[in-house]
Amino acid sequence: MFGVVLWSDPQEQKAVIWCEDHGDLAFYRQPDDGEQVTLDAGDWVQFEMTMDRQMRHVHNPRLVAEGLFPEIANALPQSGHGQNLPDAIRPQTRQSAEIVPFRRPGQASHHITNGATAHQA
């Protein structure tokens, strides 16, 4: 998964990451026996993620681009639904979809209405 670091504390070796799936934030804490990784706000990172007690945890972060989105932490509280965010990380608005059944010309379609099947040509 990819994400953008929103906040980091280099002394405590912790970070909060906004994930590409726009789900809950993910939390990173440098393991005592792990490789030293310095993450700063605005960094774009790739990582593995696990869930523990309904909290997302980042593992093995790898820096993709340093400081790529330096304004991200300041933009999020003002954004409402992301209108102030860079296009590359702006949440996509969901559009309603009209479902069009696939049928060949002359083929009957089947609709279920109140538990009964109705046929249409």
PDB file of N, CA and C in Angstrom:
ATOM      1  N   MET A   1       0.853  -1.171   0.000  1.00  0.00           N
ATOM      2  CA  MET A   1       0.000   0.000   0.000  1.00  0.00           C
ATOM      3  C   MET A   1       0.899   1.235   0.000  1.00  0.00           C
ATOM      4  N   PHE A   2       0.359   2.331  -0.521  1.00  0.00           N
ATOM      5  CA  PHE A   2       1.061   3.605  -0.519  1.00  0.00           C
ATOM      6  C   PHE A   2       0.331   4.565   0.417  1.00  0.00           C
ATOM      7  N   GLY A   3       1.062   5.551   0.911  1.00  0.00           N
ATOM      8  CA  GLY A   3       0.451   6.562   1.759  1.00  0.00           C
ATOM      9  C   GLY A   3       1.341   7.783   1.896  1.00  0.00           C
ATOM     10  N   VAL A   4       0.770   8.803   2.530  1.00  0.00           N
ATOM     11  CA  VAL A   4       1.487  10.049   2.779  1.00  0.00           C
ATOM     12  C   VAL A   4       1.595  10.250   4.288  1.00  0.00           C
ATOM     13  N   VAL A   5       2.783  10.568   4.744  1.00  0.00           N
ATOM     14  CA  VAL A   5       2.994  10.813   6.169  1.00  0.00           C
ATOM     15  C   VAL A   5       2.354  12.154   6.521  1.00  0.00           C
ATOM     16  N   LEU A   6       1.417  12.115   7.475  1.00  0.00           N
ATOM     17  CA  LEU A   6       0.753  13.341   7.928  1.00  0.00           C
ATOM     18  C   LEU A   6       1.494  13.973   9.092  1.00  0.00           C
ATOM     19  N   TRP A   7       2.065  13.136   9.963  1.00  0.00           N
ATOM     20  CA  TRP A   7       2.717  13.614  11.168  1.00  0.00           C
ATOM     21  C   TRP A   7       3.796  12.615  11.543  1.00  0.00           C
ATOM     22  N   SER A   8       4.899  13.113  12.070  1.00  0.00           N
ATOM     23  CA  SER A   8       5.940  12.208  12.566  1.00  0.00           C
ATOM     24  C   SER A   8       6.644  12.828  13.752  1.00  0.00           C
ATOM     25  N   ASP A   9       7.184  11.973  14.580  1.00  0.00           N
ATOM     26  CA  ASP A   9       7.987  12.383  15.725  1.00  0.00           C
ATOM     27  C   ASP A   9       9.291  11.603  15.647  1.00  0.00           C
ATOM     28  N   PRO A  10      10.357  12.238  15.134  1.00  0.00           N
ATOM     29  CA  PRO A  10      11.629  11.529  14.951  1.00  0.00           C
ATOM     30  C   PRO A  10      12.230  11.012  16.259  1.00  0.00           C
ATOM     31  N   GLN A  11      12.040  11.737  17.354  1.00  0.00           N
ATOM     32  CA  GLN A  11      12.591  11.288  18.635  1.00  0.00           C
ATOM     33  C   GLN A  11      11.902  10.023  19.133  1.00  0.00           C
ATOM     34  N   GLU A  12      10.592   9.974  19.021  1.00  0.00           N
ATOM     35  CA  GLU A  12       9.825   8.806  19.450  1.00  0.00           C
ATOM     36  C   GLU A  12       9.751   7.744  18.355  1.00  0.00           C
ATOM     37  N   GLN A  13      10.195   8.082  17.160  1.00  0.00           N
ATOM     38  CA  GLN A  13      10.181   7.201  15.997  1.00  0.00           C
ATOM     39  C   GLN A  13       8.765   6.676  15.723  1.00  0.00           C
ATOM     40  N   LYS A  14       7.818   7.636  15.634  1.00  0.00           N
ATOM     41  CA  LYS A  14       6.418   7.332  15.355  1.00  0.00           C
ATOM     42  C   LYS A  14       5.965   8.169  14.169  1.00  0.00           C
ATOM     43  N   ALA A  15       4.906   7.704  13.510  1.00  0.00           N
ATOM     44  CA  ALA A  15       4.333   8.458  12.397  1.00  0.00           C
ATOM     45  C   ALA A  15       2.871   8.058  12.216  1.00  0.00           C
ATOM     46  N   VAL A  16       2.118   8.965  11.615  1.00  0.00           N
ATOM     47  CA  VAL A  16       0.731   8.720  11.238  1.00  0.00           C
ATOM     48  C   VAL A  16       0.674   8.874   9.724  1.00  0.00           C
ATOM     49  N   ILE A  17       0.047   7.890   9.060  1.00  0.00           N
ATOM     50  CA  ILE A  17       0.059   7.852   7.603  1.00  0.00           C
ATOM     51  C   ILE A  17      -1.361   7.787   7.057  1.00  0.00           C
ATOM     52  N   TRP A  18      -1.629   8.629   6.057  1.00  0.00           N
ATOM     53  CA  TRP A  18      -2.899   8.633   5.339  1.00  0.00           C
ATOM     54  C   TRP A  18      -2.739   7.680   4.176  1.00  0.00           C
ATOM     55  N   CYS A  19      -3.586   6.665   4.102  1.00  0.00           N
ATOM     56  CA  CYS A  19      -3.432   5.581   3.130  1.00  0.00           C
ATOM     57  C   CYS A  19      -4.163   5.848   1.828  1.00  0.00           C
ATOM     58  N   GLU A  20      -3.645   5.265   0.758  1.00  0.00           N
ATOM     59  CA  GLU A  20      -4.215   5.452  -0.572  1.00  0.00           C
ATOM     60  C   GLU A  20      -5.652   4.971  -0.684  1.00  0.00           C
ATOM     61  N   ASP A  21      -6.084   4.053   0.184  1.00  0.00           N
ATOM     62  CA  ASP A  21      -7.455   3.554   0.104  1.00  0.00           C
ATOM     63  C   ASP A  21      -8.437   4.477   0.825  1.00  0.00           C
ATOM     64  N   HIS A  22      -7.954   5.563   1.390  1.00  0.00           N
ATOM     65  CA  HIS A  22      -8.766   6.562   2.086  1.00  0.00           C
ATOM     66  C   HIS A  22      -9.530   5.960   3.259  1.00  0.00           C
ATOM     67  N   GLY A  23      -9.011   4.858   3.787  1.00  0.00           N
ATOM     68  CA  GLY A  23      -9.593   4.254   4.979  1.00  0.00           C
ATOM     69  C   GLY A  23      -9.048   4.953   6.218  1.00  0.00           C
ATOM     70  N   ASP A  24      -9.127   4.273   7.354  1.00  0.00           N
ATOM     71  CA  ASP A  24      -8.604   4.840   8.588  1.00  0.00           C
ATOM     72  C   ASP A  24      -7.109   5.117   8.461  1.00  0.00           C
ATOM     73  N   LEU A  25      -6.635   6.065   9.256  1.00  0.00           N
ATOM     74  CA  LEU A  25      -5.207   6.371   9.275  1.00  0.00           C
ATOM     75  C   LEU A  25      -4.445   5.156   9.789  1.00  0.00           C
ATOM     76  N   ALA A  26      -3.195   5.046   9.391  1.00  0.00           N
ATOM     77  CA  ALA A  26      -2.337   3.952   9.832  1.00  0.00           C
ATOM     78  C   ALA A  26      -1.229   4.530  10.711  1.00  0.00           C
ATOM     79  N   PHE A  27      -0.835   3.762  11.709  1.00  0.00           N
ATOM     80  CA  PHE A  27       0.152   4.216  12.683  1.00  0.00           C
ATOM     81  C   PHE A  27       1.431   3.406  12.562  1.00  0.00           C
ATOM     82  N   TYR A  28       2.550   4.116  12.668  1.00  0.00           N
ATOM     83  CA  TYR A  28       3.856   3.479  12.569  1.00  0.00           C
ATOM     84  C   TYR A  28       4.660   3.767  13.818  1.00  0.00           C
ATOM     85  N   ARG A  29       5.282   2.729  14.346  1.00  0.00           N
ATOM     86  CA  ARG A  29       6.235   2.877  15.444  1.00  0.00           C
ATOM     87  C   ARG A  29       7.443   2.029  15.080  1.00  0.00           C
ATOM     88  N   GLN A  30       8.607   2.676  15.055  1.00  0.00           N
ATOM     89  CA  GLN A  30       9.852   1.989  14.713  1.00  0.00           C
ATOM     90  C   GLN A  30      10.104   0.870  15.719  1.00  0.00           C
ATOM     91  N   PRO A  31      10.235  -0.376  15.234  1.00  0.00           N
ATOM     92  CA  PRO A  31      10.549  -1.464  16.169  1.00  0.00           C
ATOM     93  C   PRO A  31      11.964  -1.304  16.718  1.00  0.00           C
ATOM     94  N   ASP A  32      12.160  -1.759  17.938  1.00  0.00           N
ATOM     95  CA  ASP A  32      13.473  -1.628  18.585  1.00  0.00           C
ATOM     96  C   ASP A  32      14.570  -2.358  17.816  1.00  0.00           C
ATOM     97  N   ASP A  33      14.222  -3.472  17.203  1.00  0.00           N
ATOM     98  CA  ASP A  33      15.222  -4.261  16.499  1.00  0.00           C
ATOM     99  C   ASP A  33      15.204  -4.028  14.987  1.00  0.00           C
ATOM    100  N   GLY A  34      14.429  -3.060  14.536  1.00  0.00           N
ATOM    101  CA  GLY A  34      14.279  -2.821  13.096  1.00  0.00           C
ATOM    102  C   GLY A  34      15.282  -1.837  12.545  1.00  0.00           C
ATOM    103  N   GLU A  35      15.311  -1.768  11.215  1.00  0.00           N
ATOM    104  CA  GLU A  35      16.154  -0.822  10.511  1.00  0.00           C
ATOM    105  C   GLU A  35      15.639   0.594  10.752  1.00  0.00           C
ATOM    106  N   GLN A  36      16.515   1.544  10.966  1.00  0.00           N
ATOM    107  CA  GLN A  36      16.126   2.922  11.221  1.00  0.00           C
ATOM    108  C   GLN A  36      15.556   3.553   9.957  1.00  0.00           C
ATOM    109  N   VAL A  37      14.326   4.046  10.064  1.00  0.00           N
ATOM    110  CA  VAL A  37      13.661   4.721   8.957  1.00  0.00           C
ATOM    111  C   VAL A  37      13.207   6.074   9.479  1.00  0.00           C
ATOM    112  N   THR A  38      13.598   7.127   8.803  1.00  0.00           N
ATOM    113  CA  THR A  38      13.174   8.466   9.199  1.00  0.00           C
ATOM    114  C   THR A  38      12.061   8.910   8.266  1.00  0.00           C
ATOM    115  N   LEU A  39      10.879   9.168   8.856  1.00  0.00           N
ATOM    116  CA  LEU A  39       9.728   9.618   8.083  1.00  0.00           C
ATOM    117  C   LEU A  39       9.383  11.038   8.506  1.00  0.00           C
ATOM    118  N   ASP A  40       9.118  11.889   7.521  1.00  0.00           N
ATOM    119  CA  ASP A  40       8.745  13.275   7.791  1.00  0.00           C
ATOM    120  C   ASP A  40       7.400  13.565   7.129  1.00  0.00           C
ATOM    121  N   ALA A  41       6.674  14.536   7.677  1.00  0.00           N
ATOM    122  CA  ALA A  41       5.391  14.939   7.097  1.00  0.00           C
ATOM    123  C   ALA A  41       5.576  15.289   5.635  1.00  0.00           C
ATOM    124  N   GLY A  42       4.693  14.748   4.795  1.00  0.00           N
ATOM    125  CA  GLY A  42       4.762  15.003   3.359  1.00  0.00           C
ATOM    126  C   GLY A  42       5.452  13.917   2.565  1.00  0.00           C
ATOM    127  N   ASP A  43       6.144  12.996   3.254  1.00  0.00           N
ATOM    128  CA  ASP A  43       6.819  11.905   2.551  1.00  0.00           C
ATOM    129  C   ASP A  43       5.789  10.934   1.983  1.00  0.00           C
ATOM    130  N   TRP A  44       6.073  10.428   0.806  1.00  0.00           N
ATOM    131  CA  TRP A  44       5.244   9.402   0.177  1.00  0.00           C
ATOM    132  C   TRP A  44       5.950   8.082   0.420  1.00  0.00           C
ATOM    133  N   VAL A  45       5.244   7.130   1.043  1.00  0.00           N
ATOM    134  CA  VAL A  45       5.852   5.866   1.430  1.00  0.00           C
ATOM    135  C   VAL A  45       5.040   4.677   0.922  1.00  0.00           C
ATOM    136  N   GLN A  46       5.727   3.566   0.782  1.00  0.00           N
ATOM    137  CA  GLN A  46       5.091   2.292   0.476  1.00  0.00           C
ATOM    138  C   GLN A  46       5.320   1.408   1.687  1.00  0.00           C
ATOM    139  N   PHE A  47       4.325   0.593   2.056  1.00  0.00           N
ATOM    140  CA  PHE A  47       4.430  -0.178   3.290  1.00  0.00           C
ATOM    141  C   PHE A  47       3.491  -1.373   3.265  1.00  0.00           C
ATOM    142  N   GLU A  48       3.698  -2.238   4.234  1.00  0.00           N
ATOM    143  CA  GLU A  48       2.784  -3.334   4.505  1.00  0.00           C
ATOM    144  C   GLU A  48       1.927  -2.901   5.685  1.00  0.00           C
ATOM    145  N   MET A  49       0.717  -3.457   5.776  1.00  0.00           N
ATOM    146  CA  MET A  49      -0.180  -3.027   6.837  1.00  0.00           C
ATOM    147  C   MET A  49      -0.870  -4.233   7.461  1.00  0.00           C
ATOM    148  N   THR A  50      -1.072  -4.159   8.770  1.00  0.00           N
ATOM    149  CA  THR A  50      -1.845  -5.169   9.486  1.00  0.00           C
ATOM    150  C   THR A  50      -2.884  -4.461  10.348  1.00  0.00           C
ATOM    151  N   MET A  51      -3.892  -5.228  10.760  1.00  0.00           N
ATOM    152  CA  MET A  51      -4.927  -4.720  11.666  1.00  0.00           C
ATOM    153  C   MET A  51      -4.744  -5.397  13.018  1.00  0.00           C
ATOM    154  N   ASP A  52      -4.864  -4.609  14.081  1.00  0.00           N
ATOM    155  CA  ASP A  52      -4.810  -5.148  15.434  1.00  0.00           C
ATOM    156  C   ASP A  52      -5.750  -4.320  16.289  1.00  0.00           C
ATOM    157  N   ARG A  53      -6.786  -4.961  16.799  1.00  0.00           N
ATOM    158  CA  ARG A  53      -7.783  -4.267  17.639  1.00  0.00           C
ATOM    159  C   ARG A  53      -8.363  -3.057  16.920  1.00  0.00           C
ATOM    160  N   GLN A  54      -8.738  -3.237  15.694  1.00  0.00           N
ATOM    161  CA  GLN A  54      -9.343  -2.215  14.845  1.00  0.00           C
ATOM    162  C   GLN A  54      -8.442  -1.012  14.593  1.00  0.00           C
ATOM    163  N   MET A  55      -7.138  -1.231  14.692  1.00  0.00           N
ATOM    164  CA  MET A  55      -6.170  -0.170  14.400  1.00  0.00           C
ATOM    165  C   MET A  55      -5.240  -0.668  13.308  1.00  0.00           C
ATOM    166  N   ARG A  56      -4.977   0.214  12.353  1.00  0.00           N
ATOM    167  CA  ARG A  56      -4.075  -0.121  11.260  1.00  0.00           C
ATOM    168  C   ARG A  56      -2.640   0.184  11.666  1.00  0.00           C
ATOM    169  N   HIS A  57      -1.746  -0.798  11.426  1.00  0.00           N
ATOM    170  CA  HIS A  57      -0.338  -0.641  11.777  1.00  0.00           C
ATOM    171  C   HIS A  57       0.527  -0.788  10.528  1.00  0.00           C
ATOM    172  N   VAL A  58       1.468   0.115  10.375  1.00  0.00           N
ATOM    173  CA  VAL A  58       2.402   0.129   9.244  1.00  0.00           C
ATOM    174  C   VAL A  58       3.631  -0.701   9.602  1.00  0.00           C
ATOM    175  N   HIS A  59       4.066  -1.504   8.620  1.00  0.00           N
ATOM    176  CA  HIS A  59       5.283  -2.304   8.776  1.00  0.00           C
ATOM    177  C   HIS A  59       6.142  -2.129   7.534  1.00  0.00           C
ATOM    178  N   ASN A  60       7.433  -2.154   7.731  1.00  0.00           N
ATOM    179  CA  ASN A  60       8.405  -2.086   6.636  1.00  0.00           C
ATOM    180  C   ASN A  60       8.177  -0.903   5.694  1.00  0.00           C
ATOM    181  N   PRO A  61       8.099   0.313   6.232  1.00  0.00           N
ATOM    182  CA  PRO A  61       7.901   1.458   5.322  1.00  0.00           C
ATOM    183  C   PRO A  61       9.142   1.696   4.470  1.00  0.00           C
ATOM    184  N   ARG A  62       8.893   2.058   3.216  1.00  0.00           N
ATOM    185  CA  ARG A  62       9.969   2.389   2.286  1.00  0.00           C
ATOM    186  C   ARG A  62       9.657   3.747   1.680  1.00  0.00           C
ATOM    187  N   LEU A  63      10.600   4.632   1.757  1.00  0.00           N
ATOM    188  CA  LEU A  63      10.429   5.981   1.216  1.00  0.00           C
ATOM    189  C   LEU A  63      10.384   5.919  -0.302  1.00  0.00           C
ATOM    190  N   VAL A  64       9.292   6.422  -0.876  1.00  0.00           N
ATOM    191  CA  VAL A  64       9.153   6.485  -2.335  1.00  0.00           C
ATOM    192  C   VAL A  64       9.625   7.850  -2.820  1.00  0.00           C
ATOM    193  N   ALA A  65       9.153   8.909  -2.140  1.00  0.00           N
ATOM    194  CA  ALA A  65       9.561  10.271  -2.494  1.00  0.00           C
ATOM    195  C   ALA A  65       9.550  11.120  -1.229  1.00  0.00           C
ATOM    196  N   GLU A  66      10.643  11.777  -0.982  1.00  0.00           N
ATOM    197  CA  GLU A  66      10.780  12.604   0.210  1.00  0.00           C
ATOM    198  C   GLU A  66      10.103  13.952   0.002  1.00  0.00           C
ATOM    199  N   GLY A  67       9.228  14.328   0.945  1.00  0.00           N
ATOM    200  CA  GLY A  67       8.592  15.647   0.924  1.00  0.00           C
ATOM    201  C   GLY A  67       7.733  15.923  -0.294  1.00  0.00           C
ATOM    202  N   LEU A  68       7.159  14.899  -0.896  1.00  0.00           N
ATOM    203  CA  LEU A  68       6.374  15.071  -2.119  1.00  0.00           C
ATOM    204  C   LEU A  68       5.103  15.891  -1.879  1.00  0.00           C
ATOM    205  N   PHE A  69       4.486  15.743  -0.716  1.00  0.00           N
ATOM    206  CA  PHE A  69       3.252  16.458  -0.391  1.00  0.00           C
ATOM    207  C   PHE A  69       3.425  17.225   0.918  1.00  0.00           C
ATOM    208  N   PRO A  70       4.261  18.263   0.940  1.00  0.00           N
ATOM    209  CA  PRO A  70       4.537  18.963   2.202  1.00  0.00           C
ATOM    210  C   PRO A  70       3.313  19.682   2.769  1.00  0.00           C
ATOM    211  N   GLU A  71       2.333  20.012   1.928  1.00  0.00           N
ATOM    212  CA  GLU A  71       1.157  20.761   2.386  1.00  0.00           C
ATOM    213  C   GLU A  71       0.022  19.864   2.850  1.00  0.00           C
ATOM    214  N   ILE A  72       0.188  18.563   2.787  1.00  0.00           N
ATOM    215  CA  ILE A  72      -0.918  17.647   3.052  1.00  0.00           C
ATOM    216  C   ILE A  72      -1.485  17.780   4.463  1.00  0.00           C
ATOM    217  N   ALA A  73      -0.665  17.850   5.464  1.00  0.00           N
ATOM    218  CA  ALA A  73      -1.167  17.926   6.840  1.00  0.00           C
ATOM    219  C   ALA A  73      -1.982  19.199   7.060  1.00  0.00           C
ATOM    220  N   ASN A  74      -1.568  20.297   6.470  1.00  0.00           N
ATOM    221  CA  ASN A  74      -2.311  21.549   6.621  1.00  0.00           C
ATOM    222  C   ASN A  74      -3.581  21.573   5.781  1.00  0.00           C
ATOM    223  N   ALA A  75      -3.590  20.884   4.653  1.00  0.00           N
ATOM    224  CA  ALA A  75      -4.735  20.900   3.748  1.00  0.00           C
ATOM    225  C   ALA A  75      -5.890  20.038   4.241  1.00  0.00           C
ATOM    226  N   LEU A  76      -5.608  18.947   4.932  1.00  0.00           N
ATOM    227  CA  LEU A  76      -6.670  18.029   5.328  1.00  0.00           C
ATOM    228  C   LEU A  76      -7.753  18.652   6.199  1.00  0.00           C
ATOM    229  N   PRO A  77      -7.443  19.381   7.275  1.00  0.00           N
ATOM    230  CA  PRO A  77      -8.521  19.928   8.103  1.00  0.00           C
ATOM    231  C   PRO A  77      -9.395  20.922   7.356  1.00  0.00           C
ATOM    232  N   GLN A  78      -8.869  21.616   6.359  1.00  0.00           N
ATOM    233  CA  GLN A  78      -9.604  22.627   5.623  1.00  0.00           C
ATOM    234  C   GLN A  78     -10.362  22.050   4.446  1.00  0.00           C
ATOM    235  N   SER A  79     -10.088  20.807   4.116  1.00  0.00           N
ATOM    236  CA  SER A  79     -10.516  20.298   2.827  1.00  0.00           C
ATOM    237  C   SER A  79     -11.973  19.904   2.723  1.00  0.00           C
ATOM    238  N   GLY A  80     -12.645  19.645   3.801  1.00  0.00           N
ATOM    239  CA  GLY A  80     -14.004  19.146   3.693  1.00  0.00           C
ATOM    240  C   GLY A  80     -13.977  17.770   3.077  1.00  0.00           C
ATOM    241  N   HIS A  81     -14.114  17.671   1.790  1.00  0.00           N
ATOM    242  CA  HIS A  81     -14.048  16.397   1.096  1.00  0.00           C
ATOM    243  C   HIS A  81     -12.839  16.338   0.177  1.00  0.00           C
ATOM    244  N   GLY A  82     -11.793  17.023   0.511  1.00  0.00           N
ATOM    245  CA  GLY A  82     -10.554  16.902  -0.244  1.00  0.00           C
ATOM    246  C   GLY A  82     -10.385  17.879  -1.376  1.00  0.00           C
ATOM    247  N   GLN A  83     -11.213  18.928  -1.463  1.00  0.00           N
ATOM    248  CA  GLN A  83     -11.105  19.817  -2.611  1.00  0.00           C
ATOM    249  C   GLN A  83      -9.799  20.617  -2.631  1.00  0.00           C
ATOM    250  N   ASN A  84      -9.101  20.762  -1.505  1.00  0.00           N
ATOM    251  CA  ASN A  84      -7.846  21.514  -1.492  1.00  0.00           C
ATOM    252  C   ASN A  84      -6.617  20.623  -1.641  1.00  0.00           C
ATOM    253  N   LEU A  85      -6.810  19.329  -1.809  1.00  0.00           N
ATOM    254  CA  LEU A  85      -5.690  18.408  -1.889  1.00  0.00           C
ATOM    255  C   LEU A  85      -5.148  18.333  -3.313  1.00  0.00           C
ATOM    256  N   PRO A  86      -3.881  17.950  -3.444  1.00  0.00           N
ATOM    257  CA  PRO A  86      -3.331  17.762  -4.790  1.00  0.00           C
ATOM    258  C   PRO A  86      -4.113  16.684  -5.525  1.00  0.00           C
ATOM    259  N   ASP A  87      -4.244  16.804  -6.841  1.00  0.00           N
ATOM    260  CA  ASP A  87      -5.018  15.855  -7.634  1.00  0.00           C
ATOM    261  C   ASP A  87      -4.577  14.415  -7.422  1.00  0.00           C
ATOM    262  N   ALA A  88      -3.281  14.190  -7.229  1.00  0.00           N
ATOM    263  CA  ALA A  88      -2.771  12.825  -7.119  1.00  0.00           C
ATOM    264  C   ALA A  88      -3.299  12.097  -5.889  1.00  0.00           C
ATOM    265  N   ILE A  89      -3.724  12.829  -4.856  1.00  0.00           N
ATOM    266  CA  ILE A  89      -4.187  12.162  -3.642  1.00  0.00           C
ATOM    267  C   ILE A  89      -5.589  12.591  -3.235  1.00  0.00           C
ATOM    268  N   ARG A  90      -6.272  13.346  -4.075  1.00  0.00           N
ATOM    269  CA  ARG A  90      -7.630  13.796  -3.764  1.00  0.00           C
ATOM    270  C   ARG A  90      -8.570  12.602  -3.771  1.00  0.00           C
ATOM    271  N   PRO A  91      -9.426  12.452  -2.731  1.00  0.00           N
ATOM    272  CA  PRO A  91     -10.390  11.350  -2.742  1.00  0.00           C
ATOM    273  C   PRO A  91     -11.316  11.486  -3.939  1.00  0.00           C
ATOM    274  N   GLN A  92     -11.620  10.386  -4.551  1.00  0.00           N
ATOM    275  CA  GLN A  92     -12.520  10.378  -5.692  1.00  0.00           C
ATOM    276  C   GLN A  92     -13.957  10.367  -5.197  1.00  0.00           C
ATOM    277  N   THR A  93     -14.800  11.203  -5.779  1.00  0.00           N
ATOM    278  CA  THR A  93     -16.203  11.189  -5.402  1.00  0.00           C
ATOM    279  C   THR A  93     -16.868  10.036  -6.129  1.00  0.00           C
ATOM    280  N   ARG A  94     -17.765   9.403  -5.426  1.00  0.00           N
ATOM    281  CA  ARG A  94     -18.456   8.268  -6.020  1.00  0.00           C
ATOM    282  C   ARG A  94     -19.672   8.749  -6.773  1.00  0.00           C
ATOM    283  N   GLN A  95     -19.811   8.262  -7.952  1.00  0.00           N
ATOM    284  CA  GLN A  95     -20.951   8.582  -8.787  1.00  0.00           C
ATOM    285  C   GLN A  95     -21.933   7.419  -8.704  1.00  0.00           C
ATOM    286  N   SER A  96     -23.225   7.729  -8.744  1.00  0.00           N
ATOM    287  CA  SER A  96     -24.186   6.637  -8.789  1.00  0.00           C
ATOM    288  C   SER A  96     -24.119   6.025 -10.177  1.00  0.00           C
ATOM    289  N   ALA A  97     -24.431   4.767 -10.252  1.00  0.00           N
ATOM    290  CA  ALA A  97     -24.326   4.056 -11.520  1.00  0.00           C
ATOM    291  C   ALA A  97     -25.690   3.520 -11.917  1.00  0.00           C
ATOM    292  N   GLU A  98     -25.948   3.561 -13.185  1.00  0.00           N
ATOM    293  CA  GLU A  98     -27.143   2.933 -13.711  1.00  0.00           C
ATOM    294  C   GLU A  98     -26.720   1.559 -14.206  1.00  0.00           C
ATOM    295  N   ILE A  99     -27.364   0.531 -13.680  1.00  0.00           N
ATOM    296  CA  ILE A  99     -27.014  -0.821 -14.067  1.00  0.00           C
ATOM    297  C   ILE A  99     -27.817  -1.185 -15.302  1.00  0.00           C
ATOM    298  N   VAL A 100     -27.111  -1.527 -16.350  1.00  0.00           N
ATOM    299  CA  VAL A 100     -27.741  -1.887 -17.613  1.00  0.00           C
ATOM    300  C   VAL A 100     -27.544  -3.378 -17.809  1.00  0.00           C
ATOM    301  N   PRO A 101     -28.641  -4.142 -17.876  1.00  0.00           N
ATOM    302  CA  PRO A 101     -28.482  -5.592 -18.046  1.00  0.00           C
ATOM    303  C   PRO A 101     -27.917  -5.913 -19.411  1.00  0.00           C
ATOM    304  N   PHE A 102     -27.111  -6.939 -19.460  1.00  0.00           N
ATOM    305  CA  PHE A 102     -26.540  -7.384 -20.723  1.00  0.00           C
ATOM    306  C   PHE A 102     -27.457  -8.440 -21.309  1.00  0.00           C
ATOM    307  N   ARG A 103     -27.952  -8.206 -22.474  1.00  0.00           N
ATOM    308  CA  ARG A 103     -28.721  -9.232 -23.178  1.00  0.00           C
ATOM    309  C   ARG A 103     -28.578  -9.011 -24.664  1.00  0.00           C
ATOM    310  N   ARG A 104     -28.559 -10.117 -25.351  1.00  0.00           N
ATOM    311  CA  ARG A 104     -28.459 -10.069 -26.800  1.00  0.00           C
ATOM    312  C   ARG A 104     -29.819  -9.704 -27.390  1.00  0.00           C
ATOM    313  N   PRO A 105     -29.854  -9.113 -28.559  1.00  0.00           N
ATOM    314  CA  PRO A 105     -31.130  -8.785 -29.195  1.00  0.00           C
ATOM    315  C   PRO A 105     -32.004 -10.026 -29.317  1.00  0.00           C
ATOM    316  N   GLY A 106     -33.285  -9.894 -28.913  1.00  0.00           N
ATOM    317  CA  GLY A 106     -34.232 -10.992 -29.004  1.00  0.00           C
ATOM    318  C   GLY A 106     -34.184 -11.941 -27.824  1.00  0.00           C
ATOM    319  N   GLN A 107     -33.233 -11.740 -26.886  1.00  0.00           N
ATOM    320  CA  GLN A 107     -33.119 -12.617 -25.725  1.00  0.00           C
ATOM    321  C   GLN A 107     -34.051 -12.112 -24.634  1.00  0.00           C
ATOM    322  N   ALA A 108     -34.773 -12.994 -23.992  1.00  0.00           N
ATOM    323  CA  ALA A 108     -35.672 -12.619 -22.898  1.00  0.00           C
ATOM    324  C   ALA A 108     -34.849 -12.326 -21.653  1.00  0.00           C
ATOM    325  N   SER A 109     -35.289 -11.353 -20.871  1.00  0.00           N
ATOM    326  CA  SER A 109     -34.630 -11.075 -19.600  1.00  0.00           C
ATOM    327  C   SER A 109     -35.506 -11.609 -18.484  1.00  0.00           C
ATOM    328  N   HIS A 110     -34.899 -11.885 -17.366  1.00  0.00           N
ATOM    329  CA  HIS A 110     -35.612 -12.434 -16.214  1.00  0.00           C
ATOM    330  C   HIS A 110     -35.489 -11.455 -15.062  1.00  0.00           C
ATOM    331  N   HIS A 111     -36.577 -11.064 -14.492  1.00  0.00           N
ATOM    332  CA  HIS A 111     -36.580 -10.167 -13.337  1.00  0.00           C
ATOM    333  C   HIS A 111     -37.292 -10.870 -12.201  1.00  0.00           C
ATOM    334  N   ILE A 112     -36.780 -10.740 -11.009  1.00  0.00           N
ATOM    335  CA  ILE A 112     -37.440 -11.315  -9.844  1.00  0.00           C
ATOM    336  C   ILE A 112     -38.218 -10.215  -9.161  1.00  0.00           C
ATOM    337  N   THR A 113     -39.523 -10.410  -9.019  1.00  0.00           N
ATOM    338  CA  THR A 113     -40.401  -9.429  -8.394  1.00  0.00           C
ATOM    339  C   THR A 113     -41.200 -10.140  -7.309  1.00  0.00           C
ATOM    340  N   ASN A 114     -41.021  -9.717  -6.078  1.00  0.00           N
ATOM    341  CA  ASN A 114     -41.732 -10.327  -4.934  1.00  0.00           C
ATOM    342  C   ASN A 114     -41.592 -11.844  -4.927  1.00  0.00           C
ATOM    343  N   GLY A 115     -40.399 -12.325  -5.197  1.00  0.00           N
ATOM    344  CA  GLY A 115     -40.140 -13.743  -5.143  1.00  0.00           C
ATOM    345  C   GLY A 115     -40.554 -14.516  -6.385  1.00  0.00           C
ATOM    346  N   ALA A 116     -41.249 -13.886  -7.320  1.00  0.00           N
ATOM    347  CA  ALA A 116     -41.668 -14.567  -8.550  1.00  0.00           C
ATOM    348  C   ALA A 116     -40.813 -14.089  -9.710  1.00  0.00           C
ATOM    349  N   THR A 117     -40.562 -14.954 -10.635  1.00  0.00           N
ATOM    350  CA  THR A 117     -39.764 -14.594 -11.797  1.00  0.00           C
ATOM    351  C   THR A 117     -40.679 -14.104 -12.910  1.00  0.00           C
ATOM    352  N   ALA A 118     -40.378 -12.934 -13.443  1.00  0.00           N
ATOM    353  CA  ALA A 118     -41.141 -12.382 -14.553  1.00  0.00           C
ATOM    354  C   ALA A 118     -40.259 -12.390 -15.783  1.00  0.00           C
ATOM    355  N   HIS A 119     -40.811 -12.749 -16.910  1.00  0.00           N
ATOM    356  CA  HIS A 119     -40.047 -12.787 -18.161  1.00  0.00           C
ATOM    357  C   HIS A 119     -40.432 -11.595 -19.020  1.00  0.00           C
ATOM    358  N   GLN A 120     -39.415 -10.977 -19.623  1.00  0.00           N
ATOM    359  CA  GLN A 120     -39.649  -9.880 -20.564  1.00  0.00           C
ATOM    360  C   GLN A 120     -38.875 -10.162 -21.832  1.00  0.00           C
ATOM    361  N   ALA A 121     -39.450  -9.781 -22.953  1.00  0.00           N
ATOM    362  CA  ALA A 121     -38.747  -9.987 -24.227  1.00  0.00           C
ATOM    363  C   ALA A 121     -38.091  -8.712 -24.655  1.00  0.00           C
TER     364      ALA A 121
END
